[in-house]
Amino acid sequence: MRAGVFNLFNRKYSTWDALRSLPEFGTTNQIGRVRLGLQRFTAPGRNFPMDISLYF
């Protein structure tokens, strides 16, 4: 049995993997009707995963 808490303080951040393939110049900040831009690539907020495994 495993359990954990990720992003305990619920901060917005982006990982390098999520942003590395975006073009440096272009309309990245203008994408979407609500114009979220790079905020669309933020990691999930606070979450609490739990895993139960049985091995025979």
PDB file of N, CA and C in Angstrom:
ATOM      1  N   MET A   1       0.845  -1.164   0.000  1.00  0.00           N
ATOM      2  CA  MET A   1       0.000   0.000   0.000  1.00  0.00           C
ATOM      3  C   MET A   1       0.898   1.238   0.000  1.00  0.00           C
ATOM      4  N   ARG A   2       0.593   2.159  -0.878  1.00  0.00           N
ATOM      5  CA  ARG A   2       1.328   3.419  -0.959  1.00  0.00           C
ATOM      6  C   ARG A   2       0.339   4.572  -1.021  1.00  0.00           C
ATOM      7  N   ALA A   3       0.711   5.691  -0.467  1.00  0.00           N
ATOM      8  CA  ALA A   3      -0.112   6.891  -0.538  1.00  0.00           C
ATOM      9  C   ALA A   3       0.822   8.100  -0.557  1.00  0.00           C
ATOM     10  N   GLY A   4       0.365   9.182  -1.149  1.00  0.00           N
ATOM     11  CA  GLY A   4       1.207  10.369  -1.220  1.00  0.00           C
ATOM     12  C   GLY A   4       0.388  11.622  -1.461  1.00  0.00           C
ATOM     13  N   VAL A   5       1.050  12.734  -1.237  1.00  0.00           N
ATOM     14  CA  VAL A   5       0.458  14.041  -1.502  1.00  0.00           C
ATOM     15  C   VAL A   5       1.409  14.768  -2.441  1.00  0.00           C
ATOM     16  N   PHE A   6       0.905  15.218  -3.568  1.00  0.00           N
ATOM     17  CA  PHE A   6       1.705  15.941  -4.538  1.00  0.00           C
ATOM     18  C   PHE A   6       1.207  17.377  -4.644  1.00  0.00           C
ATOM     19  N   ASN A   7       2.144  18.300  -4.797  1.00  0.00           N
ATOM     20  CA  ASN A   7       1.844  19.730  -4.897  1.00  0.00           C
ATOM     21  C   ASN A   7       1.045  20.182  -3.671  1.00  0.00           C
ATOM     22  N   LEU A   8       1.595  19.932  -2.520  1.00  0.00           N
ATOM     23  CA  LEU A   8       0.933  20.192  -1.246  1.00  0.00           C
ATOM     24  C   LEU A   8       0.429  21.628  -1.112  1.00  0.00           C
ATOM     25  N   PHE A   9       1.195  22.604  -1.584  1.00  0.00           N
ATOM     26  CA  PHE A   9       0.813  24.006  -1.435  1.00  0.00           C
ATOM     27  C   PHE A   9       0.009  24.529  -2.627  1.00  0.00           C
ATOM     28  N   ASN A  10      -0.344  23.637  -3.558  1.00  0.00           N
ATOM     29  CA  ASN A  10      -1.223  23.942  -4.692  1.00  0.00           C
ATOM     30  C   ASN A  10      -0.704  25.115  -5.533  1.00  0.00           C
ATOM     31  N   ARG A  11       0.594  25.131  -5.801  1.00  0.00           N
ATOM     32  CA  ARG A  11       1.203  26.185  -6.613  1.00  0.00           C
ATOM     33  C   ARG A  11       1.141  25.819  -8.087  1.00  0.00           C
ATOM     34  N   LYS A  12       1.071  26.820  -8.948  1.00  0.00           N
ATOM     35  CA  LYS A  12       1.083  26.587 -10.389  1.00  0.00           C
ATOM     36  C   LYS A  12       2.528  26.544 -10.863  1.00  0.00           C
ATOM     37  N   TYR A  13       2.864  25.512 -11.603  1.00  0.00           N
ATOM     38  CA  TYR A  13       4.195  25.390 -12.172  1.00  0.00           C
ATOM     39  C   TYR A  13       4.100  24.571 -13.447  1.00  0.00           C
ATOM     40  N   SER A  14       5.126  24.682 -14.273  1.00  0.00           N
ATOM     41  CA  SER A  14       5.206  23.918 -15.515  1.00  0.00           C
ATOM     42  C   SER A  14       6.482  23.105 -15.500  1.00  0.00           C
ATOM     43  N   THR A  15       6.424  21.920 -16.040  1.00  0.00           N
ATOM     44  CA  THR A  15       7.618  21.090 -16.123  1.00  0.00           C
ATOM     45  C   THR A  15       8.343  21.368 -17.436  1.00  0.00           C
ATOM     46  N   TRP A  16       9.618  21.076 -17.464  1.00  0.00           N
ATOM     47  CA  TRP A  16      10.415  21.286 -18.662  1.00  0.00           C
ATOM     48  C   TRP A  16       9.867  20.443 -19.814  1.00  0.00           C
ATOM     49  N   ASP A  17       9.449  19.214 -19.547  1.00  0.00           N
ATOM     50  CA  ASP A  17       8.915  18.343 -20.591  1.00  0.00           C
ATOM     51  C   ASP A  17       7.680  18.934 -21.257  1.00  0.00           C
ATOM     52  N   ALA A  18       6.856  19.641 -20.505  1.00  0.00           N
ATOM     53  CA  ALA A  18       5.636  20.212 -21.065  1.00  0.00           C
ATOM     54  C   ALA A  18       5.925  21.412 -21.963  1.00  0.00           C
ATOM     55  N   LEU A  19       7.009  22.140 -21.705  1.00  0.00           N
ATOM     56  CA  LEU A  19       7.280  23.382 -22.429  1.00  0.00           C
ATOM     57  C   LEU A  19       8.399  23.288 -23.461  1.00  0.00           C
ATOM     58  N   ARG A  20       9.155  22.206 -23.479  1.00  0.00           N
ATOM     59  CA  ARG A  20      10.350  22.157 -24.321  1.00  0.00           C
ATOM     60  C   ARG A  20      10.077  22.168 -25.816  1.00  0.00           C
ATOM     61  N   SER A  21       8.942  21.675 -26.264  1.00  0.00           N
ATOM     62  CA  SER A  21       8.687  21.608 -27.706  1.00  0.00           C
ATOM     63  C   SER A  21       7.887  22.792 -28.231  1.00  0.00           C
ATOM     64  N   LEU A  22       7.604  23.776 -27.393  1.00  0.00           N
ATOM     65  CA  LEU A  22       6.870  24.954 -27.847  1.00  0.00           C
ATOM     66  C   LEU A  22       7.796  25.877 -28.625  1.00  0.00           C
ATOM     67  N   PRO A  23       7.292  26.530 -29.661  1.00  0.00           N
ATOM     68  CA  PRO A  23       8.143  27.455 -30.404  1.00  0.00           C
ATOM     69  C   PRO A  23       8.485  28.678 -29.553  1.00  0.00           C
ATOM     70  N   GLU A  24       9.701  29.155 -29.707  1.00  0.00           N
ATOM     71  CA  GLU A  24      10.126  30.315 -28.931  1.00  0.00           C
ATOM     72  C   GLU A  24       9.398  31.583 -29.370  1.00  0.00           C
ATOM     73  N   PHE A  25       9.163  31.698 -30.660  1.00  0.00           N
ATOM     74  CA  PHE A  25       8.436  32.841 -31.194  1.00  0.00           C
ATOM     75  C   PHE A  25       7.155  32.342 -31.824  1.00  0.00           C
ATOM     76  N   GLY A  26       6.108  33.105 -31.763  1.00  0.00           N
ATOM     77  CA  GLY A  26       4.854  32.697 -32.390  1.00  0.00           C
ATOM     78  C   GLY A  26       3.665  33.169 -31.583  1.00  0.00           C
ATOM     79  N   THR A  27       2.576  32.453 -31.733  1.00  0.00           N
ATOM     80  CA  THR A  27       1.321  32.868 -31.110  1.00  0.00           C
ATOM     81  C   THR A  27       0.977  32.014 -29.899  1.00  0.00           C
ATOM     82  N   THR A  28       1.969  31.456 -29.226  1.00  0.00           N
ATOM     83  CA  THR A  28       1.714  30.578 -28.089  1.00  0.00           C
ATOM     84  C   THR A  28       0.873  31.275 -27.022  1.00  0.00           C
ATOM     85  N   ASN A  29       1.126  32.536 -26.780  1.00  0.00           N
ATOM     86  CA  ASN A  29       0.387  33.260 -25.746  1.00  0.00           C
ATOM     87  C   ASN A  29      -1.028  33.606 -26.179  1.00  0.00           C
ATOM     88  N   GLN A  30      -1.353  33.429 -27.444  1.00  0.00           N
ATOM     89  CA  GLN A  30      -2.657  33.829 -27.956  1.00  0.00           C
ATOM     90  C   GLN A  30      -3.586  32.649 -28.214  1.00  0.00           C
ATOM     91  N   ILE A  31      -3.154  31.432 -27.948  1.00  0.00           N
ATOM     92  CA  ILE A  31      -3.945  30.245 -28.287  1.00  0.00           C
ATOM     93  C   ILE A  31      -5.141  30.123 -27.363  1.00  0.00           C
ATOM     94  N   GLY A  32      -6.280  29.801 -27.919  1.00  0.00           N
ATOM     95  CA  GLY A  32      -7.493  29.567 -27.145  1.00  0.00           C
ATOM     96  C   GLY A  32      -8.382  30.792 -27.089  1.00  0.00           C
ATOM     97  N   ARG A  33      -9.674  30.557 -26.902  1.00  0.00           N
ATOM     98  CA  ARG A  33     -10.619  31.669 -26.827  1.00  0.00           C
ATOM     99  C   ARG A  33     -10.439  32.501 -25.565  1.00  0.00           C
ATOM    100  N   VAL A  34     -10.060  31.851 -24.475  1.00  0.00           N
ATOM    101  CA  VAL A  34      -9.862  32.583 -23.225  1.00  0.00           C
ATOM    102  C   VAL A  34      -8.436  33.080 -23.074  1.00  0.00           C
ATOM    103  N   ARG A  35      -7.601  32.812 -24.050  1.00  0.00           N
ATOM    104  CA  ARG A  35      -6.211  33.282 -24.109  1.00  0.00           C
ATOM    105  C   ARG A  35      -5.409  32.913 -22.860  1.00  0.00           C
ATOM    106  N   LEU A  36      -5.434  31.646 -22.504  1.00  0.00           N
ATOM    107  CA  LEU A  36      -4.672  31.181 -21.343  1.00  0.00           C
ATOM    108  C   LEU A  36      -3.175  31.117 -21.619  1.00  0.00           C
ATOM    109  N   GLY A  37      -2.800  30.934 -22.875  1.00  0.00           N
ATOM    110  CA  GLY A  37      -1.382  30.904 -23.220  1.00  0.00           C
ATOM    111  C   GLY A  37      -0.645  29.764 -22.549  1.00  0.00           C
ATOM    112  N   LEU A  38       0.491  30.079 -21.949  1.00  0.00           N
ATOM    113  CA  LEU A  38       1.330  29.052 -21.334  1.00  0.00           C
ATOM    114  C   LEU A  38       0.710  28.447 -20.088  1.00  0.00           C
ATOM    115  N   GLN A  39      -0.291  29.067 -19.505  1.00  0.00           N
ATOM    116  CA  GLN A  39      -0.948  28.514 -18.326  1.00  0.00           C
ATOM    117  C   GLN A  39      -1.651  27.195 -18.641  1.00  0.00           C
ATOM    118  N   ARG A  40      -1.895  26.931 -19.922  1.00  0.00           N
ATOM    119  CA  ARG A  40      -2.524  25.664 -20.301  1.00  0.00           C
ATOM    120  C   ARG A  40      -1.604  24.482 -20.040  1.00  0.00           C
ATOM    121  N   PHE A  41      -0.314  24.740 -19.889  1.00  0.00           N
ATOM    122  CA  PHE A  41       0.662  23.668 -19.733  1.00  0.00           C
ATOM    123  C   PHE A  41       1.106  23.479 -18.290  1.00  0.00           C
ATOM    124  N   THR A  42       0.387  24.039 -17.332  1.00  0.00           N
ATOM    125  CA  THR A  42       0.784  23.874 -15.935  1.00  0.00           C
ATOM    126  C   THR A  42       0.462  22.458 -15.447  1.00  0.00           C
ATOM    127  N   ALA A  43       1.191  22.063 -14.431  1.00  0.00           N
ATOM    128  CA  ALA A  43       0.996  20.739 -13.839  1.00  0.00           C
ATOM    129  C   ALA A  43      -0.294  20.726 -13.023  1.00  0.00           C
ATOM    130  N   PRO A  44      -0.807  19.544 -12.699  1.00  0.00           N
ATOM    131  CA  PRO A  44      -2.039  19.462 -11.913  1.00  0.00           C
ATOM    132  C   PRO A  44      -1.879  20.103 -10.538  1.00  0.00           C
ATOM    133  N   GLY A  45      -2.980  20.517  -9.972  1.00  0.00           N
ATOM    134  CA  GLY A  45      -2.959  21.097  -8.628  1.00  0.00           C
ATOM    135  C   GLY A  45      -2.745  20.021  -7.582  1.00  0.00           C
ATOM    136  N   ARG A  46      -3.107  20.312  -6.376  1.00  0.00           N
ATOM    137  CA  ARG A  46      -2.938  19.370  -5.274  1.00  0.00           C
ATOM    138  C   ARG A  46      -3.676  18.072  -5.573  1.00  0.00           C
ATOM    139  N   ASN A  47      -3.016  16.951  -5.351  1.00  0.00           N
ATOM    140  CA  ASN A  47      -3.672  15.659  -5.554  1.00  0.00           C
ATOM    141  C   ASN A  47      -3.145  14.637  -4.562  1.00  0.00           C
ATOM    142  N   PHE A  48      -3.972  13.632  -4.305  1.00  0.00           N
ATOM    143  CA  PHE A  48      -3.686  12.619  -3.294  1.00  0.00           C
ATOM    144  C   PHE A  48      -3.817  11.233  -3.918  1.00  0.00           C
ATOM    145  N   PRO A  49      -2.731  10.675  -4.427  1.00  0.00           N
ATOM    146  CA  PRO A  49      -2.813   9.335  -5.010  1.00  0.00           C
ATOM    147  C   PRO A  49      -2.670   8.241  -3.939  1.00  0.00           C
ATOM    148  N   MET A  50      -3.273   7.084  -4.242  1.00  0.00           N
ATOM    149  CA  MET A  50      -3.164   5.921  -3.376  1.00  0.00           C
ATOM    150  C   MET A  50      -3.101   4.681  -4.257  1.00  0.00           C
ATOM    151  N   ASP A  51      -2.268   3.751  -3.883  1.00  0.00           N
ATOM    152  CA  ASP A  51      -2.079   2.548  -4.683  1.00  0.00           C
ATOM    153  C   ASP A  51      -2.049   1.341  -3.752  1.00  0.00           C
ATOM    154  N   ILE A  52      -2.814   0.332  -4.116  1.00  0.00           N
ATOM    155  CA  ILE A  52      -2.810  -0.932  -3.370  1.00  0.00           C
ATOM    156  C   ILE A  52      -2.459  -2.029  -4.371  1.00  0.00           C
ATOM    157  N   SER A  53      -1.407  -2.784  -4.068  1.00  0.00           N
ATOM    158  CA  SER A  53      -0.959  -3.852  -4.961  1.00  0.00           C
ATOM    159  C   SER A  53      -0.842  -5.149  -4.188  1.00  0.00           C
ATOM    160  N   LEU A  54      -1.235  -6.216  -4.842  1.00  0.00           N
ATOM    161  CA  LEU A  54      -1.091  -7.557  -4.272  1.00  0.00           C
ATOM    162  C   LEU A  54      -0.229  -8.375  -5.222  1.00  0.00           C
ATOM    163  N   TYR A  55       0.811  -8.964  -4.699  1.00  0.00           N
ATOM    164  CA  TYR A  55       1.698  -9.808  -5.501  1.00  0.00           C
ATOM    165  C   TYR A  55       1.643 -11.237  -4.961  1.00  0.00           C
ATOM    166  N   PHE A  56       1.496 -12.178  -5.878  1.00  0.00           N
ATOM    167  CA  PHE A  56       1.447 -13.589  -5.485  1.00  0.00           C
ATOM    168  C   PHE A  56       2.682 -14.281  -5.969  1.00  0.00           C
TER     169      PHE A  56
END
